[in-house]
């Protein structure tokens, strides 16, 4: 029986990134296949967030090559194929949850924005909080809104930078259950905060 290689979501070869005298990435080689949940583990300062930011097209490596879903990182992001949830909630505190999500939907060109906002709020169990002002939400709720924003445009690759920092254990388990349900697409996570990937 012939088996075809799985489609690669992320491929990195010889990736190097230096900040002054610090080698954040020193020749990283890595492959993540579609459908995998892949966690980066390591101490603070070991290059995990730097690499995720390279995959998100926000940091350009000094050397090496990164492909994301068969394209350059920036091309994959521009095509709307990548969702990125940063460790710190990148939300507007003075706006409501719905206003934040509507803003991100416009940025991503989501055609069915109102319907999609309702869907992602149900997904993150915040369907009743759409009118809430973000600054009034708990840290865990803000994290869920950030996840909703990253999911709005139905990305093929979801990048999560320490997604469960500051999240209570019950919600952390719910997040990982949801991440597993999304794993028909690839999920790439910096799991340093939990010490384990997928838990």
N, C-alpha and C. Protein backbone atom coordinates (compact mmCIF):
# COMPACT_ATOMS: atom_id res chain seq x y z
N UNK A 1 0.84 -1.18 0.00
CA UNK A 1 0.00 0.00 0.00
C UNK A 1 0.89 1.24 0.00
N UNK A 2 0.60 2.20 -0.88
CA UNK A 2 1.36 3.44 -0.95
C UNK A 2 0.80 4.43 0.04
N UNK A 3 1.67 5.05 0.80
CA UNK A 3 1.20 6.09 1.71
C UNK A 3 1.82 7.41 1.28
N UNK A 4 0.98 8.42 1.17
CA UNK A 4 1.45 9.74 0.81
C UNK A 4 1.82 10.51 2.07
N UNK A 5 2.87 11.34 1.99
CA UNK A 5 3.22 12.12 3.17
C UNK A 5 2.12 13.10 3.52
N UNK A 6 1.93 13.31 4.81
CA UNK A 6 0.92 14.27 5.26
C UNK A 6 1.30 15.67 4.83
N UNK A 7 0.31 16.49 4.55
CA UNK A 7 0.53 17.87 4.17
C UNK A 7 1.16 18.61 5.33
N UNK A 8 2.19 19.39 5.02
CA UNK A 8 2.85 20.16 6.07
C UNK A 8 2.14 21.49 6.27
N UNK A 9 1.83 21.78 7.52
CA UNK A 9 1.27 23.08 7.87
C UNK A 9 2.40 24.09 8.05
N UNK A 10 3.48 23.66 8.71
CA UNK A 10 4.63 24.51 8.96
C UNK A 10 5.90 23.71 8.68
N UNK A 11 6.82 24.31 7.96
CA UNK A 11 8.13 23.72 7.75
C UNK A 11 9.18 24.79 8.00
N UNK A 12 10.14 24.47 8.84
CA UNK A 12 11.23 25.40 9.14
C UNK A 12 12.54 24.67 8.93
N UNK A 13 13.46 25.31 8.22
CA UNK A 13 14.76 24.72 7.95
C UNK A 13 15.85 25.74 8.25
N UNK A 14 16.71 25.41 9.20
CA UNK A 14 17.85 26.25 9.51
C UNK A 14 17.50 27.67 9.93
N UNK A 15 16.39 27.83 10.65
CA UNK A 15 15.92 29.18 10.99
C UNK A 15 16.78 29.79 12.10
N UNK A 16 17.26 30.98 11.82
CA UNK A 16 18.09 31.72 12.77
C UNK A 16 17.53 33.12 12.96
N UNK A 17 17.51 33.57 14.21
CA UNK A 17 17.13 34.95 14.51
C UNK A 17 17.97 35.41 15.69
N UNK A 18 18.57 36.57 15.51
CA UNK A 18 19.43 37.14 16.53
C UNK A 18 18.91 38.51 16.92
N UNK A 19 18.92 38.81 18.21
CA UNK A 19 18.60 40.13 18.73
C UNK A 19 19.85 40.62 19.45
N UNK A 20 20.58 41.51 18.82
CA UNK A 20 21.86 41.97 19.39
C UNK A 20 22.81 40.80 19.52
N UNK A 21 23.24 40.50 20.73
CA UNK A 21 24.16 39.38 20.94
C UNK A 21 23.43 38.08 21.29
N UNK A 22 22.11 38.14 21.38
CA UNK A 22 21.33 36.97 21.77
C UNK A 22 20.86 36.18 20.55
N UNK A 23 21.20 34.91 20.52
CA UNK A 23 20.67 34.00 19.49
C UNK A 23 19.33 33.46 19.98
N UNK A 24 18.24 34.05 19.51
CA UNK A 24 16.91 33.57 19.90
C UNK A 24 16.59 32.25 19.22
N UNK A 25 16.97 32.12 17.96
CA UNK A 25 16.80 30.88 17.20
C UNK A 25 18.13 30.56 16.54
N UNK A 26 18.64 29.37 16.76
CA UNK A 26 19.98 29.02 16.28
C UNK A 26 19.93 27.79 15.38
N UNK A 27 19.34 27.95 14.20
CA UNK A 27 19.31 26.85 13.24
C UNK A 27 18.18 25.86 13.47
N UNK A 28 17.00 26.36 13.78
CA UNK A 28 15.85 25.51 14.08
C UNK A 28 15.33 24.79 12.84
N UNK A 29 15.15 23.49 12.95
CA UNK A 29 14.51 22.65 11.92
C UNK A 29 13.26 22.05 12.55
N UNK A 30 12.13 22.14 11.85
CA UNK A 30 10.87 21.69 12.45
C UNK A 30 9.85 21.45 11.35
N UNK A 31 9.01 20.43 11.54
CA UNK A 31 7.88 20.18 10.64
C UNK A 31 6.64 19.91 11.48
N UNK A 32 5.54 20.55 11.09
CA UNK A 32 4.24 20.32 11.72
C UNK A 32 3.27 19.96 10.60
N UNK A 33 2.66 18.81 10.74
CA UNK A 33 1.73 18.34 9.71
C UNK A 33 0.32 18.85 9.98
N UNK A 34 -0.46 18.96 8.93
CA UNK A 34 -1.86 19.34 9.07
C UNK A 34 -2.54 18.34 10.00
N UNK A 35 -3.37 18.86 10.90
CA UNK A 35 -4.09 18.01 11.84
C UNK A 35 -3.38 17.78 13.15
N UNK A 36 -2.15 18.27 13.27
CA UNK A 36 -1.40 18.09 14.52
C UNK A 36 -1.59 19.28 15.46
N UNK A 37 -1.53 18.98 16.74
CA UNK A 37 -1.37 20.01 17.76
C UNK A 37 0.08 19.91 18.20
N UNK A 38 0.82 20.96 18.00
CA UNK A 38 2.25 20.92 18.24
C UNK A 38 2.60 21.97 19.29
N UNK A 39 3.22 21.55 20.37
CA UNK A 39 3.56 22.47 21.45
C UNK A 39 5.05 22.73 21.52
N UNK A 40 5.41 23.96 21.73
CA UNK A 40 6.81 24.35 21.98
C UNK A 40 6.99 24.48 23.48
N UNK A 41 7.93 23.75 24.03
CA UNK A 41 8.20 23.81 25.45
C UNK A 41 9.63 24.28 25.68
N UNK A 42 9.80 25.06 26.72
CA UNK A 42 11.14 25.51 27.05
C UNK A 42 11.08 26.66 28.02
N UNK A 43 12.23 27.00 28.60
CA UNK A 43 12.26 28.10 29.56
C UNK A 43 12.03 29.45 28.89
N UNK A 44 11.74 30.45 29.70
CA UNK A 44 11.62 31.82 29.18
C UNK A 44 12.90 32.18 28.44
N UNK A 45 12.74 32.88 27.32
CA UNK A 45 13.90 33.33 26.56
C UNK A 45 14.50 32.29 25.63
N UNK A 46 13.82 31.15 25.46
CA UNK A 46 14.39 30.10 24.62
C UNK A 46 13.95 30.20 23.15
N UNK A 47 13.21 31.24 22.79
CA UNK A 47 12.88 31.48 21.39
C UNK A 47 11.50 31.01 20.95
N UNK A 48 10.68 30.54 21.87
CA UNK A 48 9.36 30.01 21.49
C UNK A 48 8.48 31.09 20.85
N UNK A 49 8.33 32.21 21.53
CA UNK A 49 7.49 33.29 20.99
C UNK A 49 8.11 33.87 19.74
N UNK A 50 9.43 33.98 19.70
CA UNK A 50 10.09 34.48 18.49
C UNK A 50 9.75 33.60 17.30
N UNK A 51 9.79 32.29 17.49
CA UNK A 51 9.47 31.40 16.37
C UNK A 51 8.00 31.53 15.96
N UNK A 52 7.10 31.59 16.93
CA UNK A 52 5.69 31.75 16.60
C UNK A 52 5.49 33.06 15.82
N UNK A 53 6.16 34.12 16.24
CA UNK A 53 6.05 35.39 15.53
C UNK A 53 6.64 35.31 14.12
N UNK A 54 7.64 34.48 13.92
CA UNK A 54 8.16 34.24 12.56
C UNK A 54 7.11 33.53 11.71
N UNK A 55 6.47 32.50 12.29
CA UNK A 55 5.44 31.76 11.56
C UNK A 55 4.25 32.67 11.25
N UNK A 56 3.97 33.62 12.14
CA UNK A 56 2.86 34.57 11.93
C UNK A 56 3.24 35.70 10.98
N UNK A 57 4.46 35.70 10.48
CA UNK A 57 4.89 36.73 9.52
C UNK A 57 5.21 38.06 10.16
N UNK A 58 5.38 38.09 11.48
CA UNK A 58 5.63 39.35 12.18
C UNK A 58 7.11 39.61 12.40
N UNK A 59 7.91 38.57 12.39
CA UNK A 59 9.35 38.68 12.55
C UNK A 59 10.00 37.95 11.39
N UNK A 60 10.95 38.59 10.76
CA UNK A 60 11.65 37.98 9.62
C UNK A 60 12.92 37.31 10.13
N UNK A 61 13.09 36.01 9.87
CA UNK A 61 14.33 35.34 10.31
C UNK A 61 15.55 35.95 9.62
N UNK A 62 16.69 35.86 10.30
CA UNK A 62 17.95 36.32 9.71
C UNK A 62 18.45 35.32 8.68
N UNK A 63 18.13 34.06 8.87
CA UNK A 63 18.58 33.01 7.95
C UNK A 63 17.59 31.85 8.04
N UNK A 64 17.66 30.98 7.04
CA UNK A 64 16.79 29.82 7.02
C UNK A 64 15.50 30.10 6.27
N UNK A 65 14.65 29.10 6.26
CA UNK A 65 13.40 29.20 5.50
C UNK A 65 12.23 28.67 6.32
N UNK A 66 11.12 29.38 6.25
CA UNK A 66 9.87 28.95 6.87
C UNK A 66 8.79 28.95 5.80
N UNK A 67 8.08 27.83 5.67
CA UNK A 67 6.89 27.82 4.83
C UNK A 67 5.70 27.50 5.71
N UNK A 68 4.60 28.15 5.40
CA UNK A 68 3.36 27.99 6.14
C UNK A 68 2.27 27.63 5.13
N UNK A 69 1.79 26.40 5.23
CA UNK A 69 0.76 25.91 4.31
C UNK A 69 1.22 26.07 2.87
N UNK A 70 2.51 25.78 2.64
CA UNK A 70 3.09 25.81 1.30
C UNK A 70 3.45 27.18 0.77
N UNK A 71 3.35 28.21 1.59
CA UNK A 71 3.64 29.59 1.17
C UNK A 71 4.64 30.21 2.14
N UNK A 72 5.08 31.42 1.80
CA UNK A 72 5.84 32.16 2.81
C UNK A 72 4.87 32.50 3.94
N UNK A 73 5.42 32.77 5.11
CA UNK A 73 4.57 33.08 6.26
C UNK A 73 3.69 34.29 5.96
N UNK A 74 4.27 35.34 5.41
CA UNK A 74 3.49 36.56 5.15
C UNK A 74 2.40 36.31 4.11
N UNK A 75 2.69 35.51 3.10
CA UNK A 75 1.66 35.19 2.10
C UNK A 75 0.51 34.40 2.71
N UNK A 76 0.84 33.44 3.59
CA UNK A 76 -0.22 32.63 4.23
C UNK A 76 -1.09 33.50 5.12
N UNK A 77 -0.47 34.42 5.85
CA UNK A 77 -1.24 35.33 6.71
C UNK A 77 -2.10 36.25 5.87
N UNK A 78 -1.52 36.82 4.80
CA UNK A 78 -2.27 37.73 3.92
C UNK A 78 -3.46 37.05 3.27
N UNK A 79 -3.33 35.74 3.03
CA UNK A 79 -4.42 34.98 2.41
C UNK A 79 -5.48 34.57 3.43
N UNK A 80 -5.30 34.97 4.70
CA UNK A 80 -6.29 34.65 5.72
C UNK A 80 -6.26 33.22 6.21
N UNK A 81 -5.14 32.55 6.01
CA UNK A 81 -5.07 31.13 6.38
C UNK A 81 -4.52 30.89 7.77
N UNK A 82 -4.09 31.97 8.46
CA UNK A 82 -3.46 31.83 9.77
C UNK A 82 -4.22 32.67 10.79
N UNK A 83 -4.52 32.09 11.94
CA UNK A 83 -5.07 32.81 13.07
C UNK A 83 -4.02 32.85 14.16
N UNK A 84 -3.92 33.98 14.87
CA UNK A 84 -2.88 34.14 15.88
C UNK A 84 -3.47 34.73 17.14
N UNK A 85 -3.36 33.98 18.23
CA UNK A 85 -3.79 34.45 19.54
C UNK A 85 -2.55 34.73 20.37
N UNK A 86 -2.31 36.00 20.66
CA UNK A 86 -1.14 36.38 21.44
C UNK A 86 -1.36 36.08 22.91
N UNK A 87 -0.26 36.05 23.67
CA UNK A 87 -0.37 35.79 25.11
C UNK A 87 -1.16 36.89 25.80
N UNK A 88 -0.85 38.14 25.48
CA UNK A 88 -1.59 39.27 26.05
C UNK A 88 -2.78 39.55 25.13
N UNK A 89 -3.94 39.67 25.71
CA UNK A 89 -5.14 39.92 24.91
C UNK A 89 -4.98 41.19 24.09
N UNK A 90 -5.07 41.07 22.78
CA UNK A 90 -4.94 42.22 21.88
C UNK A 90 -6.33 42.74 21.54
N UNK A 91 -6.98 43.31 22.54
CA UNK A 91 -8.36 43.76 22.40
C UNK A 91 -8.46 45.23 22.81
N UNK A 92 -9.52 45.88 22.38
CA UNK A 92 -9.78 47.27 22.75
C UNK A 92 -10.70 47.28 23.97
N UNK A 93 -10.16 47.68 25.12
CA UNK A 93 -10.87 47.60 26.38
C UNK A 93 -12.12 48.46 26.46
N UNK A 94 -12.16 49.56 25.71
CA UNK A 94 -13.32 50.47 25.78
C UNK A 94 -14.45 50.04 24.86
N UNK A 95 -14.22 49.03 24.04
CA UNK A 95 -15.25 48.55 23.12
C UNK A 95 -15.91 47.30 23.68
N UNK A 96 -17.10 47.02 23.20
CA UNK A 96 -17.78 45.79 23.61
C UNK A 96 -17.12 44.59 22.92
N UNK A 97 -17.47 43.41 23.39
CA UNK A 97 -16.99 42.18 22.77
C UNK A 97 -17.41 42.17 21.30
N UNK A 98 -18.69 42.45 21.01
CA UNK A 98 -19.16 42.45 19.62
C UNK A 98 -18.42 43.47 18.78
N UNK A 99 -18.17 44.67 19.33
CA UNK A 99 -17.46 45.70 18.56
C UNK A 99 -16.03 45.27 18.26
N UNK A 100 -15.36 44.65 19.23
CA UNK A 100 -14.02 44.13 18.98
C UNK A 100 -14.04 43.10 17.86
N UNK A 101 -14.96 42.14 17.96
CA UNK A 101 -15.01 41.08 16.96
C UNK A 101 -15.42 41.60 15.59
N UNK A 102 -16.31 42.59 15.55
CA UNK A 102 -16.70 43.20 14.27
C UNK A 102 -15.49 43.89 13.64
N UNK A 103 -14.68 44.55 14.45
CA UNK A 103 -13.47 45.20 13.95
C UNK A 103 -12.52 44.17 13.33
N UNK A 104 -12.26 43.07 14.06
CA UNK A 104 -11.35 42.04 13.54
C UNK A 104 -11.95 41.34 12.32
N UNK A 105 -13.26 41.18 12.30
CA UNK A 105 -13.91 40.58 11.13
C UNK A 105 -13.71 41.45 9.89
N UNK A 106 -13.81 42.77 10.07
CA UNK A 106 -13.56 43.67 8.93
C UNK A 106 -12.12 43.57 8.46
N UNK A 107 -11.18 43.52 9.40
CA UNK A 107 -9.76 43.39 9.04
C UNK A 107 -9.50 42.13 8.23
N UNK A 108 -10.18 41.04 8.60
CA UNK A 108 -9.97 39.75 7.94
C UNK A 108 -10.90 39.54 6.74
N UNK A 109 -11.80 40.49 6.48
CA UNK A 109 -12.69 40.36 5.33
C UNK A 109 -13.73 39.26 5.48
N UNK A 110 -14.21 39.05 6.70
CA UNK A 110 -15.23 38.02 6.96
C UNK A 110 -16.56 38.52 6.41
N UNK A 111 -17.07 37.81 5.41
CA UNK A 111 -18.28 38.27 4.71
C UNK A 111 -19.53 38.15 5.58
N UNK A 112 -19.67 37.07 6.29
CA UNK A 112 -20.86 36.80 7.11
C UNK A 112 -20.58 37.16 8.56
N UNK A 113 -20.11 38.38 8.80
CA UNK A 113 -19.55 38.76 10.09
C UNK A 113 -20.52 38.56 11.26
N UNK A 114 -21.74 39.03 11.16
CA UNK A 114 -22.67 38.92 12.30
C UNK A 114 -22.93 37.46 12.67
N UNK A 115 -23.17 36.64 11.66
CA UNK A 115 -23.40 35.21 11.90
C UNK A 115 -22.16 34.57 12.48
N UNK A 116 -21.00 34.91 11.91
CA UNK A 116 -19.75 34.29 12.36
C UNK A 116 -19.41 34.73 13.79
N UNK A 117 -19.67 35.98 14.12
CA UNK A 117 -19.43 36.45 15.50
C UNK A 117 -20.28 35.65 16.48
N UNK A 118 -21.55 35.45 16.15
CA UNK A 118 -22.42 34.64 17.00
C UNK A 118 -21.85 33.22 17.17
N UNK A 119 -21.36 32.63 16.06
CA UNK A 119 -20.81 31.27 16.11
C UNK A 119 -19.60 31.19 17.03
N UNK A 120 -18.64 32.12 16.85
CA UNK A 120 -17.42 32.01 17.65
C UNK A 120 -17.68 32.34 19.11
N UNK A 121 -18.64 33.22 19.38
CA UNK A 121 -18.98 33.49 20.79
C UNK A 121 -19.61 32.25 21.44
N UNK A 122 -20.41 31.51 20.69
CA UNK A 122 -20.94 30.25 21.23
C UNK A 122 -19.81 29.25 21.44
N UNK A 123 -18.87 29.21 20.51
CA UNK A 123 -17.74 28.29 20.61
C UNK A 123 -16.94 28.51 21.89
N UNK A 124 -16.74 29.78 22.26
CA UNK A 124 -15.94 30.10 23.45
C UNK A 124 -16.82 30.33 24.68
N UNK A 125 -18.09 29.98 24.58
CA UNK A 125 -19.05 30.05 25.68
C UNK A 125 -19.21 31.48 26.22
N UNK A 126 -19.34 32.43 25.29
CA UNK A 126 -19.59 33.82 25.66
C UNK A 126 -20.76 34.41 24.89
N UNK A 127 -21.69 33.56 24.47
CA UNK A 127 -22.81 34.03 23.65
C UNK A 127 -23.61 35.13 24.32
N UNK A 128 -23.64 35.14 25.64
CA UNK A 128 -24.43 36.13 26.36
C UNK A 128 -23.62 37.38 26.75
N UNK A 129 -22.36 37.48 26.29
CA UNK A 129 -21.51 38.59 26.71
C UNK A 129 -21.14 39.52 25.56
N UNK A 130 -21.81 39.42 24.44
CA UNK A 130 -21.47 40.24 23.27
C UNK A 130 -21.52 41.73 23.52
N UNK A 131 -22.43 42.18 24.37
CA UNK A 131 -22.56 43.62 24.65
C UNK A 131 -21.66 44.09 25.78
N UNK A 132 -20.99 43.17 26.46
CA UNK A 132 -20.13 43.54 27.58
C UNK A 132 -18.91 44.33 27.09
N UNK A 133 -18.53 45.34 27.85
CA UNK A 133 -17.31 46.09 27.56
C UNK A 133 -16.13 45.23 27.98
N UNK A 134 -15.14 45.11 27.11
CA UNK A 134 -14.04 44.18 27.34
C UNK A 134 -13.31 44.46 28.65
N UNK A 135 -13.13 45.72 29.00
CA UNK A 135 -12.40 46.05 30.24
C UNK A 135 -13.12 45.56 31.50
N UNK A 136 -14.40 45.22 31.39
CA UNK A 136 -15.14 44.74 32.56
C UNK A 136 -15.08 43.22 32.70
N UNK A 137 -14.47 42.55 31.73
CA UNK A 137 -14.42 41.08 31.74
C UNK A 137 -13.26 40.58 32.59
N UNK A 138 -13.39 39.38 33.09
CA UNK A 138 -12.29 38.73 33.80
C UNK A 138 -11.18 38.40 32.79
N UNK A 139 -10.01 38.08 33.31
CA UNK A 139 -8.88 37.70 32.44
C UNK A 139 -9.21 36.49 31.59
N UNK A 140 -9.88 35.50 32.18
CA UNK A 140 -10.25 34.31 31.43
C UNK A 140 -11.22 34.61 30.30
N UNK A 141 -12.18 35.51 30.57
CA UNK A 141 -13.13 35.90 29.51
C UNK A 141 -12.42 36.66 28.40
N UNK A 142 -11.49 37.53 28.76
CA UNK A 142 -10.73 38.25 27.72
C UNK A 142 -9.93 37.28 26.86
N UNK A 143 -9.38 36.24 27.48
CA UNK A 143 -8.67 35.22 26.71
C UNK A 143 -9.61 34.52 25.74
N UNK A 144 -10.83 34.27 26.19
CA UNK A 144 -11.80 33.62 25.30
C UNK A 144 -12.20 34.53 24.15
N UNK A 145 -12.30 35.83 24.40
CA UNK A 145 -12.60 36.78 23.31
C UNK A 145 -11.43 36.79 22.32
N UNK A 146 -10.20 36.75 22.83
CA UNK A 146 -9.03 36.70 21.94
C UNK A 146 -9.06 35.45 21.06
N UNK A 147 -9.43 34.32 21.66
CA UNK A 147 -9.54 33.09 20.87
C UNK A 147 -10.64 33.24 19.82
N UNK A 148 -11.76 33.82 20.20
CA UNK A 148 -12.85 34.04 19.24
C UNK A 148 -12.36 34.89 18.07
N UNK A 149 -11.58 35.93 18.36
CA UNK A 149 -11.06 36.80 17.30
C UNK A 149 -10.13 36.01 16.37
N UNK A 150 -9.32 35.13 16.93
CA UNK A 150 -8.40 34.33 16.11
C UNK A 150 -9.13 33.31 15.24
N UNK A 151 -10.33 32.92 15.65
CA UNK A 151 -11.10 31.92 14.92
C UNK A 151 -12.06 32.51 13.89
N UNK A 152 -12.30 33.81 13.95
CA UNK A 152 -13.33 34.45 13.13
C UNK A 152 -13.26 34.09 11.66
N UNK A 153 -12.08 34.13 11.08
CA UNK A 153 -11.94 33.95 9.63
C UNK A 153 -11.68 32.51 9.22
N UNK A 154 -11.92 31.57 10.15
CA UNK A 154 -11.79 30.14 9.88
C UNK A 154 -10.39 29.79 9.36
N UNK A 155 -9.36 30.07 10.14
CA UNK A 155 -8.00 29.83 9.66
C UNK A 155 -7.67 28.34 9.53
N UNK A 156 -6.75 28.05 8.64
CA UNK A 156 -6.25 26.67 8.47
C UNK A 156 -5.17 26.34 9.49
N UNK A 157 -4.52 27.37 10.02
CA UNK A 157 -3.48 27.19 11.03
C UNK A 157 -3.76 28.17 12.15
N UNK A 158 -3.81 27.67 13.37
CA UNK A 158 -4.06 28.50 14.54
C UNK A 158 -2.80 28.54 15.39
N UNK A 159 -2.26 29.74 15.60
CA UNK A 159 -1.07 29.93 16.41
C UNK A 159 -1.50 30.48 17.77
N UNK A 160 -1.05 29.83 18.83
CA UNK A 160 -1.45 30.21 20.18
C UNK A 160 -0.19 30.44 21.01
N UNK A 161 -0.02 31.63 21.51
CA UNK A 161 1.16 31.93 22.33
C UNK A 161 0.74 31.92 23.79
N UNK A 162 1.09 30.84 24.49
CA UNK A 162 0.73 30.62 25.89
C UNK A 162 -0.76 30.91 26.13
N UNK A 163 -1.63 30.14 25.46
CA UNK A 163 -3.06 30.45 25.47
C UNK A 163 -3.75 30.28 26.81
N UNK A 164 -3.14 29.54 27.73
CA UNK A 164 -3.84 29.29 28.99
C UNK A 164 -3.19 29.99 30.18
N UNK A 165 -2.33 30.98 29.92
CA UNK A 165 -1.75 31.76 31.02
C UNK A 165 -2.88 32.50 31.73
N UNK A 166 -2.93 32.39 33.04
CA UNK A 166 -3.93 33.10 33.83
C UNK A 166 -5.33 32.52 33.74
N UNK A 167 -5.46 31.34 33.16
CA UNK A 167 -6.78 30.71 33.00
C UNK A 167 -6.97 29.70 34.11
N UNK A 168 -8.16 29.68 34.68
CA UNK A 168 -8.41 28.71 35.75
C UNK A 168 -8.41 27.29 35.19
N UNK A 169 -8.16 26.28 36.04
CA UNK A 169 -8.00 24.90 35.56
C UNK A 169 -9.19 24.35 34.78
N UNK A 170 -10.41 24.69 35.17
CA UNK A 170 -11.58 24.19 34.45
C UNK A 170 -11.62 24.78 33.04
N UNK A 171 -11.43 26.09 32.93
CA UNK A 171 -11.43 26.73 31.62
C UNK A 171 -10.25 26.24 30.77
N UNK A 172 -9.11 26.00 31.41
CA UNK A 172 -7.94 25.49 30.68
C UNK A 172 -8.29 24.17 30.01
N UNK A 173 -8.97 23.29 30.74
CA UNK A 173 -9.37 22.00 30.17
C UNK A 173 -10.35 22.21 29.02
N UNK A 174 -11.29 23.16 29.18
CA UNK A 174 -12.24 23.46 28.11
C UNK A 174 -11.52 23.97 26.87
N UNK A 175 -10.50 24.84 27.07
CA UNK A 175 -9.72 25.34 25.93
C UNK A 175 -9.09 24.18 25.18
N UNK A 176 -8.44 23.26 25.91
CA UNK A 176 -7.74 22.17 25.23
C UNK A 176 -8.73 21.21 24.57
N UNK A 177 -9.88 21.03 25.15
CA UNK A 177 -10.91 20.22 24.48
C UNK A 177 -11.30 20.87 23.16
N UNK A 178 -11.47 22.20 23.20
CA UNK A 178 -11.81 22.91 21.97
C UNK A 178 -10.67 22.84 20.96
N UNK A 179 -9.43 23.02 21.41
CA UNK A 179 -8.29 22.96 20.49
C UNK A 179 -8.23 21.60 19.80
N UNK A 180 -8.49 20.54 20.56
CA UNK A 180 -8.48 19.21 19.95
C UNK A 180 -9.57 19.07 18.90
N UNK A 181 -10.73 19.68 19.14
CA UNK A 181 -11.82 19.60 18.16
C UNK A 181 -11.48 20.33 16.87
N UNK A 182 -10.56 21.28 16.95
CA UNK A 182 -10.14 22.03 15.77
C UNK A 182 -9.00 21.36 15.02
N UNK A 183 -8.48 20.28 15.52
CA UNK A 183 -7.22 19.74 15.03
C UNK A 183 -7.29 19.10 13.65
N UNK A 184 -8.42 19.21 12.93
CA UNK A 184 -8.37 18.83 11.53
C UNK A 184 -7.48 19.83 10.80
N UNK A 185 -7.37 21.02 11.37
CA UNK A 185 -6.39 22.00 10.94
C UNK A 185 -5.23 21.89 11.93
N UNK A 186 -4.12 22.54 11.63
CA UNK A 186 -2.98 22.46 12.54
C UNK A 186 -3.09 23.54 13.60
N UNK A 187 -2.64 23.20 14.79
CA UNK A 187 -2.59 24.16 15.89
C UNK A 187 -1.17 24.14 16.43
N UNK A 188 -0.61 25.29 16.54
CA UNK A 188 0.77 25.44 16.95
C UNK A 188 0.78 26.29 18.20
N UNK A 189 1.26 25.75 19.29
CA UNK A 189 1.13 26.46 20.55
C UNK A 189 2.45 26.53 21.31
N UNK A 190 2.62 27.64 21.99
CA UNK A 190 3.71 27.82 22.94
C UNK A 190 3.14 27.39 24.27
N UNK A 191 3.53 26.23 24.75
CA UNK A 191 2.91 25.69 25.95
C UNK A 191 3.73 25.84 27.20
N UNK A 192 4.61 26.81 27.24
CA UNK A 192 5.52 26.92 28.38
C UNK A 192 4.79 27.13 29.68
N UNK A 193 3.65 27.79 29.63
CA UNK A 193 2.97 28.13 30.86
C UNK A 193 2.40 26.92 31.58
N UNK A 194 1.99 25.91 30.83
CA UNK A 194 1.40 24.74 31.46
C UNK A 194 2.43 23.67 31.72
N UNK A 195 3.58 23.78 31.07
CA UNK A 195 4.60 22.76 31.23
C UNK A 195 4.35 21.53 30.39
N UNK A 196 3.15 21.41 29.82
CA UNK A 196 2.82 20.27 28.98
C UNK A 196 1.97 20.75 27.81
N UNK A 197 2.16 20.11 26.68
CA UNK A 197 1.33 20.41 25.53
C UNK A 197 0.07 19.58 25.61
N UNK A 198 -1.06 20.18 25.28
CA UNK A 198 -2.30 19.44 25.19
C UNK A 198 -2.96 19.14 26.51
N UNK A 199 -2.56 19.79 27.58
CA UNK A 199 -3.17 19.56 28.90
C UNK A 199 -3.73 20.85 29.42
